[in-house]
C-alpha atoms as a PDB file:
ATOM      1  CA  MET A   1     -12.248   8.428  -9.435  1.00  0.00           C
ATOM      2  CA  GLU A   2     -13.233   5.574  -7.147  1.00  0.00           C
ATOM      3  CA  LYS A   3     -12.179   5.160  -3.522  1.00  0.00           C
ATOM      4  CA  LYS A   4     -11.768   1.679  -2.024  1.00  0.00           C
ATOM      5  CA  LYS A   5     -10.665   0.241   1.306  1.00  0.00           C
ATOM      6  CA  VAL A   6      -7.213  -1.354   0.975  1.00  0.00           C
ATOM      7  CA  TRP A   7      -4.318  -2.967   2.835  1.00  0.00           C
ATOM      8  CA  VAL A   8      -0.861  -1.429   2.325  1.00  0.00           C
ATOM      9  CA  TRP A   9       2.481  -3.259   2.639  1.00  0.00           C
ATOM     10  CA  PHE A  10       5.054  -1.697   4.970  1.00  0.00           C
ATOM     11  CA  LYS A  11       8.513  -3.270   5.118  1.00  0.00           C
ATOM     12  CA  GLY A  12      10.940  -2.986   7.977  1.00  0.00           C
ATOM     13  CA  GLY A  13      10.982  -2.791  11.710  1.00  0.00           C
ATOM     14  CA  GLN A  14      12.143  -5.466  14.104  1.00  0.00           C
ATOM     15  CA  THR A  15       9.472  -7.966  13.120  1.00  0.00           C
ATOM     16  CA  GLY A  16       9.764  -7.505   9.345  1.00  0.00           C
ATOM     17  CA  GLY A  17       7.057  -6.322   6.975  1.00  0.00           C
ATOM     18  CA  VAL A  18       3.315  -6.327   7.475  1.00  0.00           C
ATOM     19  CA  TRP A  19       0.066  -5.538   5.645  1.00  0.00           C
ATOM     20  CA  VAL A  20      -1.723  -2.628   7.370  1.00  0.00           C
ATOM     21  CA  SER A  21      -5.472  -2.085   7.025  1.00  0.00           C
ATOM     22  CA  GLY A  22      -7.571   1.043   7.350  1.00  0.00           C
ATOM     23  CA  PHE A  23      -6.400   2.873   4.231  1.00  0.00           C
ATOM     24  CA  ILE A  24      -8.504   4.310   1.437  1.00  0.00           C
ATOM     25  CA  ALA A  25      -6.985   4.212  -2.061  1.00  0.00           C
ATOM     26  CA  THR A  26      -7.912   6.399  -5.002  1.00  0.00           C
ATOM     27  CA  ASN A  27      -7.031   5.574  -8.604  1.00  0.00           C
ATOM     28  CA  ASP A  28      -7.079   8.866 -10.516  1.00  0.00           C
ATOM     29  CA  GLU A  29      -5.210   8.137 -13.770  1.00  0.00           C
ATOM     30  CA  LYS A  30      -1.845   9.209 -12.331  1.00  0.00           C
ATOM     31  CA  GLU A  31       0.960   6.747 -11.695  1.00  0.00           C
ATOM     32  CA  GLY A  32       0.327   4.617  -8.596  1.00  0.00           C
ATOM     33  CA  LEU A  33      -2.477   4.877  -6.068  1.00  0.00           C
ATOM     34  CA  LEU A  34      -3.137   7.700  -3.632  1.00  0.00           C
ATOM     35  CA  ILE A  35      -3.470   6.191  -0.126  1.00  0.00           C
ATOM     36  CA  GLU A  36      -5.059   8.035   2.784  1.00  0.00           C
ATOM     37  CA  ARG A  37      -5.629   7.390   6.471  1.00  0.00           C
ATOM     38  CA  THR A  38      -6.279   9.895   9.253  1.00  0.00           C
ATOM     39  CA  ASP A  39      -3.113   9.043  11.198  1.00  0.00           C
ATOM     40  CA  PHE A  40      -0.761   8.890   8.171  1.00  0.00           C
ATOM     41  CA  VAL A  41       0.416  11.467   5.660  1.00  0.00           C
ATOM     42  CA  SER A  42      -1.389  10.897   2.352  1.00  0.00           C
ATOM     43  CA  CYS A  43       0.955   9.717  -0.384  1.00  0.00           C
ATOM     44  CA  ARG A  44       1.063   7.966  -3.742  1.00  0.00           C
ATOM     45  CA  VAL A  45       2.443   4.415  -3.820  1.00  0.00           C
ATOM     46  CA  PRO A  46       2.913   1.829  -6.580  1.00  0.00           C
ATOM     47  CA  GLU A  47       0.141  -0.716  -7.068  1.00  0.00           C
ATOM     48  CA  TRP A  48       2.300  -3.662  -5.971  1.00  0.00           C
ATOM     49  CA  ARG A  49       2.176  -2.273  -2.362  1.00  0.00           C
ATOM     50  CA  VAL A  50      -1.642  -2.319  -2.226  1.00  0.00           C
ATOM     51  CA  ARG A  51      -4.197  -5.125  -1.879  1.00  0.00           C
ATOM     52  CA  PHE A  52      -7.924  -4.711  -2.344  1.00  0.00           C
ATOM     53  CA  GLU A  53      -8.681  -8.009  -0.591  1.00  0.00           C
ATOM     54  CA  GLU A  54      -7.670  -8.886   2.971  1.00  0.00           C
ATOM     55  CA  PRO A  55      -4.424 -10.910   2.893  1.00  0.00           C
ATOM     56  CA  GLU A  56      -4.613 -14.452   4.309  1.00  0.00           C
ATOM     57  CA  ASP A  57      -1.383 -13.847   6.246  1.00  0.00           C
ATOM     58  CA  GLU A  58      -0.487 -10.261   7.100  1.00  0.00           C
ATOM     59  CA  LYS A  59       3.226 -11.155   7.359  1.00  0.00           C
ATOM     60  CA  VAL A  60       3.606 -12.583   3.809  1.00  0.00           C
ATOM     61  CA  ALA A  61       5.148 -10.003   1.475  1.00  0.00           C
ATOM     62  CA  PRO A  62       3.846  -9.188  -1.987  1.00  0.00           C
ATOM     63  CA  GLN A  63       5.933  -9.923  -5.077  1.00  0.00           C
ATOM     64  CA  ILE A  64       8.400  -7.045  -4.750  1.00  0.00           C
ATOM     65  CA  PRO A  65      10.015  -6.053  -8.079  1.00  0.00           C
ATOM     66  CA  LYS A  66      13.763  -5.512  -8.406  1.00  0.00           C
ATOM     67  CA  ASN A  67      14.782  -1.918  -7.644  1.00  0.00           C
ATOM     68  CA  PRO A  68      11.247  -1.061  -6.518  1.00  0.00           C
ATOM     69  CA  THR A  69       9.749   2.369  -6.086  1.00  0.00           C
ATOM     70  CA  TRP A  70       8.190   2.583  -2.623  1.00  0.00           C
ATOM     71  CA  LYS A  71       6.625   6.047  -2.827  1.00  0.00           C
ATOM     72  CA  TYR A  72       5.981   8.579  -5.589  1.00  0.00           C
ATOM     73  CA  LEU A  73       6.558  12.243  -4.901  1.00  0.00           C
END
């Protein structure tokens, strides 16, 4: 179980979506990645919402699949 610093994609708001830094992701053999940050509730998200490298443009969205899952319960 390895923890890495990541950027997470959040869609919405008045300015559109954005990549947000400061998260730690854990890949623990369950579906998706567990993301954690002190000022957010920890949750599991699909891998398409996470980047391990800093995005060149924080406003450019990832390839979002049709009928995507945004958060796992």
